[in-house]
């Protein structure tokens, strides 16, 4: 998402741009495979998830 603010009242051609970028913003998890060893006490248990962490980046650009 990006928004540009005009600062023409301060100086001609001046502006300020703000940005936000996000990946995996909703953070949906993908579950790993369950334990398939029948003799194991944790048989059928899913012990981990395969997912990327949230990544948010903020940026400001000043143009003059």
PDB file of N, CA and C in Angstrom:
ATOM      1  N   UNK A   1       0.848  -1.125   0.000  1.00  0.00           N
ATOM      2  CA  UNK A   1       0.000   0.000   0.000  1.00  0.00           C
ATOM      3  C   UNK A   1       0.922   1.224   0.000  1.00  0.00           C
ATOM      4  N   UNK A   2       0.525   2.255  -0.750  1.00  0.00           N
ATOM      5  CA  UNK A   2       1.360   3.424  -0.881  1.00  0.00           C
ATOM      6  C   UNK A   2       0.499   4.682  -0.868  1.00  0.00           C
ATOM      7  N   UNK A   3       1.005   5.742  -0.261  1.00  0.00           N
ATOM      8  CA  UNK A   3       0.304   7.029  -0.223  1.00  0.00           C
ATOM      9  C   UNK A   3       1.343   8.127  -0.411  1.00  0.00           C
ATOM     10  N   UNK A   4       1.058   9.077  -1.317  1.00  0.00           N
ATOM     11  CA  UNK A   4       1.945  10.200  -1.567  1.00  0.00           C
ATOM     12  C   UNK A   4       1.274  11.478  -1.081  1.00  0.00           C
ATOM     13  N   UNK A   5       2.010  12.237  -0.270  1.00  0.00           N
ATOM     14  CA  UNK A   5       1.524  13.507   0.249  1.00  0.00           C
ATOM     15  C   UNK A   5       2.285  14.630  -0.446  1.00  0.00           C
ATOM     16  N   UNK A   6       1.559  15.591  -0.985  1.00  0.00           N
ATOM     17  CA  UNK A   6       2.180  16.734  -1.634  1.00  0.00           C
ATOM     18  C   UNK A   6       2.593  17.759  -0.582  1.00  0.00           C
ATOM     19  N   UNK A   7       3.811  18.266  -0.708  1.00  0.00           N
ATOM     20  CA  UNK A   7       4.316  19.318   0.174  1.00  0.00           C
ATOM     21  C   UNK A   7       4.609  20.578  -0.638  1.00  0.00           C
ATOM     22  N   UNK A   8       3.764  20.825  -1.639  1.00  0.00           N
ATOM     23  CA  UNK A   8       3.934  21.976  -2.519  1.00  0.00           C
ATOM     24  C   UNK A   8       3.867  23.290  -1.756  1.00  0.00           C
ATOM     25  N   UNK A   9       3.175  23.330  -0.607  1.00  0.00           N
ATOM     26  CA  UNK A   9       3.076  24.573   0.156  1.00  0.00           C
ATOM     27  C   UNK A   9       4.419  24.948   0.771  1.00  0.00           C
ATOM     28  N   UNK A  10       5.305  23.964   0.985  1.00  0.00           N
ATOM     29  CA  UNK A  10       6.624  24.229   1.552  1.00  0.00           C
ATOM     30  C   UNK A  10       7.606  24.619   0.444  1.00  0.00           C
ATOM     31  N   UNK A  11       7.622  23.827  -0.624  1.00  0.00           N
ATOM     32  CA  UNK A  11       8.539  24.067  -1.741  1.00  0.00           C
ATOM     33  C   UNK A  11       7.998  23.359  -2.972  1.00  0.00           C
ATOM     34  N   UNK A  12       8.158  23.935  -4.129  1.00  0.00           N
ATOM     35  CA  UNK A  12       7.653  23.359  -5.376  1.00  0.00           C
ATOM     36  C   UNK A  12       8.356  22.024  -5.668  1.00  0.00           C
ATOM     37  N   UNK A  13       7.576  21.013  -5.988  1.00  0.00           N
ATOM     38  CA  UNK A  13       8.108  19.694  -6.327  1.00  0.00           C
ATOM     39  C   UNK A  13       8.416  18.808  -5.132  1.00  0.00           C
ATOM     40  N   UNK A  14       8.088  19.241  -3.940  1.00  0.00           N
ATOM     41  CA  UNK A  14       8.394  18.474  -2.741  1.00  0.00           C
ATOM     42  C   UNK A  14       7.221  17.551  -2.402  1.00  0.00           C
ATOM     43  N   UNK A  15       7.530  16.303  -2.036  1.00  0.00           N
ATOM     44  CA  UNK A  15       6.481  15.354  -1.650  1.00  0.00           C
ATOM     45  C   UNK A  15       7.052  14.323  -0.680  1.00  0.00           C
ATOM     46  N   UNK A  16       6.162  13.667  -0.006  1.00  0.00           N
ATOM     47  CA  UNK A  16       6.520  12.625   0.957  1.00  0.00           C
ATOM     48  C   UNK A  16       5.699  11.384   0.612  1.00  0.00           C
ATOM     49  N   UNK A  17       6.376  10.270   0.429  1.00  0.00           N
ATOM     50  CA  UNK A  17       5.708   9.023   0.051  1.00  0.00           C
ATOM     51  C   UNK A  17       5.900   8.007   1.174  1.00  0.00           C
ATOM     52  N   UNK A  18       4.811   7.380   1.606  1.00  0.00           N
ATOM     53  CA  UNK A  18       4.871   6.336   2.630  1.00  0.00           C
ATOM     54  C   UNK A  18       4.419   5.015   2.014  1.00  0.00           C
ATOM     55  N   UNK A  19       5.063   3.937   2.448  1.00  0.00           N
ATOM     56  CA  UNK A  19       4.752   2.606   1.915  1.00  0.00           C
ATOM     57  C   UNK A  19       4.713   1.595   3.040  1.00  0.00           C
ATOM     58  N   UNK A  20       3.884   0.581   2.850  1.00  0.00           N
ATOM     59  CA  UNK A  20       3.895  -0.591   3.726  1.00  0.00           C
ATOM     60  C   UNK A  20       3.754  -1.823   2.829  1.00  0.00           C
ATOM     61  N   UNK A  21       4.631  -2.779   3.061  1.00  0.00           N
ATOM     62  CA  UNK A  21       4.609  -4.027   2.304  1.00  0.00           C
ATOM     63  C   UNK A  21       4.560  -5.172   3.306  1.00  0.00           C
ATOM     64  N   UNK A  22       3.746  -6.170   3.027  1.00  0.00           N
ATOM     65  CA  UNK A  22       3.618  -7.300   3.941  1.00  0.00           C
ATOM     66  C   UNK A  22       3.579  -8.605   3.155  1.00  0.00           C
ATOM     67  N   UNK A  23       4.284  -9.604   3.670  1.00  0.00           N
ATOM     68  CA  UNK A  23       4.189 -10.947   3.110  1.00  0.00           C
ATOM     69  C   UNK A  23       3.770 -11.884   4.235  1.00  0.00           C
ATOM     70  N   UNK A  24       2.944 -12.814   3.913  1.00  0.00           N
ATOM     71  CA  UNK A  24       2.369 -13.732   4.895  1.00  0.00           C
ATOM     72  C   UNK A  24       1.616 -12.959   5.980  1.00  0.00           C
ATOM     73  N   UNK A  25       0.894 -11.931   5.552  1.00  0.00           N
ATOM     74  CA  UNK A  25       0.199 -11.046   6.494  1.00  0.00           C
ATOM     75  C   UNK A  25      -0.888 -11.786   7.278  1.00  0.00           C
ATOM     76  N   UNK A  26      -1.569 -12.721   6.641  1.00  0.00           N
ATOM     77  CA  UNK A  26      -2.643 -13.442   7.324  1.00  0.00           C
ATOM     78  C   UNK A  26      -2.136 -14.678   8.047  1.00  0.00           C
ATOM     79  N   UNK A  27      -0.886 -15.038   7.799  1.00  0.00           N
ATOM     80  CA  UNK A  27      -0.167 -16.084   8.532  1.00  0.00           C
ATOM     81  C   UNK A  27      -0.938 -17.413   8.582  1.00  0.00           C
ATOM     82  N   UNK A  28      -1.273 -17.944   7.401  1.00  0.00           N
ATOM     83  CA  UNK A  28      -1.919 -19.254   7.329  1.00  0.00           C
ATOM     84  C   UNK A  28      -0.866 -20.332   7.516  1.00  0.00           C
ATOM     85  N   UNK A  29      -1.121 -21.245   8.408  1.00  0.00           N
ATOM     86  CA  UNK A  29      -0.161 -22.313   8.698  1.00  0.00           C
ATOM     87  C   UNK A  29      -0.414 -23.532   7.814  1.00  0.00           C
ATOM     88  N   UNK A  30       0.656 -24.199   7.456  1.00  0.00           N
ATOM     89  CA  UNK A  30       0.598 -25.471   6.762  1.00  0.00           C
ATOM     90  C   UNK A  30       1.135 -26.512   7.731  1.00  0.00           C
ATOM     91  N   UNK A  31       0.311 -27.449   8.108  1.00  0.00           N
ATOM     92  CA  UNK A  31       0.721 -28.445   9.094  1.00  0.00           C
ATOM     93  C   UNK A  31       1.623 -29.492   8.467  1.00  0.00           C
ATOM     94  N   UNK A  32       2.589 -29.965   9.239  1.00  0.00           N
ATOM     95  CA  UNK A  32       3.508 -31.002   8.789  1.00  0.00           C
ATOM     96  C   UNK A  32       2.820 -32.360   8.773  1.00  0.00           C
ATOM     97  N   UNK A  33       3.581 -33.370   8.441  1.00  0.00           N
ATOM     98  CA  UNK A  33       3.030 -34.722   8.374  1.00  0.00           C
ATOM     99  C   UNK A  33       2.985 -35.328   9.779  1.00  0.00           C
ATOM    100  N   UNK A  34       1.972 -36.132  10.063  1.00  0.00           N
ATOM    101  CA  UNK A  34       1.884 -36.763  11.384  1.00  0.00           C
ATOM    102  C   UNK A  34       2.917 -37.885  11.535  1.00  0.00           C
ATOM    103  N   UNK A  35       3.215 -38.227  12.771  1.00  0.00           N
ATOM    104  CA  UNK A  35       4.125 -39.324  13.081  1.00  0.00           C
ATOM    105  C   UNK A  35       3.477 -40.632  12.639  1.00  0.00           C
ATOM    106  N   UNK A  36       4.191 -41.424  11.839  1.00  0.00           N
ATOM    107  CA  UNK A  36       3.605 -42.638  11.250  1.00  0.00           C
ATOM    108  C   UNK A  36       4.104 -43.942  11.867  1.00  0.00           C
ATOM    109  N   UNK A  37       4.941 -43.851  12.905  1.00  0.00           N
ATOM    110  CA  UNK A  37       5.419 -45.077  13.558  1.00  0.00           C
ATOM    111  C   UNK A  37       4.369 -45.563  14.558  1.00  0.00           C
ATOM    112  N   UNK A  38       3.815 -46.750  14.322  1.00  0.00           N
ATOM    113  CA  UNK A  38       2.734 -47.270  15.139  1.00  0.00           C
ATOM    114  C   UNK A  38       3.170 -47.519  16.583  1.00  0.00           C
ATOM    115  N   UNK A  39       4.388 -47.939  16.807  1.00  0.00           N
ATOM    116  CA  UNK A  39       4.869 -48.242  18.155  1.00  0.00           C
ATOM    117  C   UNK A  39       5.248 -46.995  18.953  1.00  0.00           C
ATOM    118  N   UNK A  40       5.287 -45.858  18.312  1.00  0.00           N
ATOM    119  CA  UNK A  40       5.690 -44.604  18.964  1.00  0.00           C
ATOM    120  C   UNK A  40       4.521 -44.025  19.767  1.00  0.00           C
ATOM    121  N   UNK A  41       4.763 -43.555  20.994  1.00  0.00           N
ATOM    122  CA  UNK A  41       3.675 -42.971  21.787  1.00  0.00           C
ATOM    123  C   UNK A  41       3.066 -41.719  21.149  1.00  0.00           C
ATOM    124  N   UNK A  42       3.809 -41.068  20.281  1.00  0.00           N
ATOM    125  CA  UNK A  42       3.269 -39.873  19.622  1.00  0.00           C
ATOM    126  C   UNK A  42       2.715 -40.197  18.229  1.00  0.00           C
ATOM    127  N   UNK A  43       2.236 -41.425  18.040  1.00  0.00           N
ATOM    128  CA  UNK A  43       1.678 -41.845  16.751  1.00  0.00           C
ATOM    129  C   UNK A  43       0.493 -40.954  16.377  1.00  0.00           C
ATOM    130  N   UNK A  44       0.523 -40.428  15.156  1.00  0.00           N
ATOM    131  CA  UNK A  44      -0.563 -39.601  14.646  1.00  0.00           C
ATOM    132  C   UNK A  44      -0.489 -38.143  15.060  1.00  0.00           C
ATOM    133  N   UNK A  45       0.512 -37.790  15.847  1.00  0.00           N
ATOM    134  CA  UNK A  45       0.638 -36.411  16.333  1.00  0.00           C
ATOM    135  C   UNK A  45       1.410 -35.572  15.317  1.00  0.00           C
ATOM    136  N   UNK A  46       0.875 -34.398  15.022  1.00  0.00           N
ATOM    137  CA  UNK A  46       1.579 -33.441  14.165  1.00  0.00           C
ATOM    138  C   UNK A  46       2.375 -32.529  15.094  1.00  0.00           C
ATOM    139  N   UNK A  47       3.693 -32.605  15.005  1.00  0.00           N
ATOM    140  CA  UNK A  47       4.532 -31.906  15.978  1.00  0.00           C
ATOM    141  C   UNK A  47       5.179 -30.627  15.434  1.00  0.00           C
ATOM    142  N   UNK A  48       4.905 -30.257  14.196  1.00  0.00           N
ATOM    143  CA  UNK A  48       5.505 -29.041  13.661  1.00  0.00           C
ATOM    144  C   UNK A  48       4.611 -28.450  12.569  1.00  0.00           C
ATOM    145  N   UNK A  49       4.875 -27.205  12.250  1.00  0.00           N
ATOM    146  CA  UNK A  49       4.175 -26.536  11.157  1.00  0.00           C
ATOM    147  C   UNK A  49       5.196 -26.018  10.160  1.00  0.00           C
ATOM    148  N   UNK A  50       4.779 -25.938   8.922  1.00  0.00           N
ATOM    149  CA  UNK A  50       5.634 -25.394   7.867  1.00  0.00           C
ATOM    150  C   UNK A  50       5.017 -24.072   7.434  1.00  0.00           C
ATOM    151  N   UNK A  51       5.579 -22.988   7.918  1.00  0.00           N
ATOM    152  CA  UNK A  51       5.044 -21.680   7.543  1.00  0.00           C
ATOM    153  C   UNK A  51       6.136 -20.637   7.598  1.00  0.00           C
ATOM    154  N   UNK A  52       5.954 -19.598   6.847  1.00  0.00           N
ATOM    155  CA  UNK A  52       6.874 -18.472   6.847  1.00  0.00           C
ATOM    156  C   UNK A  52       6.430 -17.476   7.907  1.00  0.00           C
ATOM    157  N   UNK A  53       7.347 -16.823   8.578  1.00  0.00           N
ATOM    158  CA  UNK A  53       6.945 -15.813   9.555  1.00  0.00           C
ATOM    159  C   UNK A  53       6.392 -14.567   8.859  1.00  0.00           C
ATOM    160  N   UNK A  54       5.642 -13.790   9.603  1.00  0.00           N
ATOM    161  CA  UNK A  54       5.154 -12.533   9.049  1.00  0.00           C
ATOM    162  C   UNK A  54       6.332 -11.620   8.764  1.00  0.00           C
ATOM    163  N   UNK A  55       6.230 -10.902   7.657  1.00  0.00           N
ATOM    164  CA  UNK A  55       7.270  -9.961   7.296  1.00  0.00           C
ATOM    165  C   UNK A  55       6.586  -8.661   6.890  1.00  0.00           C
ATOM    166  N   UNK A  56       6.816  -7.594   7.655  1.00  0.00           N
ATOM    167  CA  UNK A  56       6.215  -6.290   7.368  1.00  0.00           C
ATOM    168  C   UNK A  56       7.344  -5.295   7.196  1.00  0.00           C
ATOM    169  N   UNK A  57       7.249  -4.515   6.125  1.00  0.00           N
ATOM    170  CA  UNK A  57       8.282  -3.524   5.843  1.00  0.00           C
ATOM    171  C   UNK A  57       7.617  -2.169   5.660  1.00  0.00           C
ATOM    172  N   UNK A  58       8.125  -1.172   6.378  1.00  0.00           N
ATOM    173  CA  UNK A  58       7.626   0.188   6.274  1.00  0.00           C
ATOM    174  C   UNK A  58       8.687   1.036   5.564  1.00  0.00           C
ATOM    175  N   UNK A  59       8.228   1.990   4.744  1.00  0.00           N
ATOM    176  CA  UNK A  59       9.176   2.847   4.038  1.00  0.00           C
ATOM    177  C   UNK A  59       8.649   4.262   3.895  1.00  0.00           C
ATOM    178  N   UNK A  60       9.557   5.214   3.971  1.00  0.00           N
ATOM    179  CA  UNK A  60       9.223   6.618   3.749  1.00  0.00           C
ATOM    180  C   UNK A  60      10.238   7.177   2.774  1.00  0.00           C
ATOM    181  N   UNK A  61       9.730   7.896   1.771  1.00  0.00           N
ATOM    182  CA  UNK A  61      10.618   8.508   0.791  1.00  0.00           C
ATOM    183  C   UNK A  61      10.290   9.991   0.714  1.00  0.00           C
ATOM    184  N   UNK A  62      11.307  10.820   0.879  1.00  0.00           N
ATOM    185  CA  UNK A  62      11.147  12.264   0.833  1.00  0.00           C
ATOM    186  C   UNK A  62      11.730  12.764  -0.482  1.00  0.00           C
ATOM    187  N   UNK A  63      10.901  13.402  -1.304  1.00  0.00           N
ATOM    188  CA  UNK A  63      11.350  13.891  -2.617  1.00  0.00           C
ATOM    189  C   UNK A  63      11.406  15.408  -2.609  1.00  0.00           C
ATOM    190  N   UNK A  64      12.491  15.950  -3.116  1.00  0.00           N
ATOM    191  CA  UNK A  64      12.610  17.389  -3.205  1.00  0.00           C
ATOM    192  C   UNK A  64      13.358  17.790  -4.457  1.00  0.00           C
TER     193      UNK A  64
END
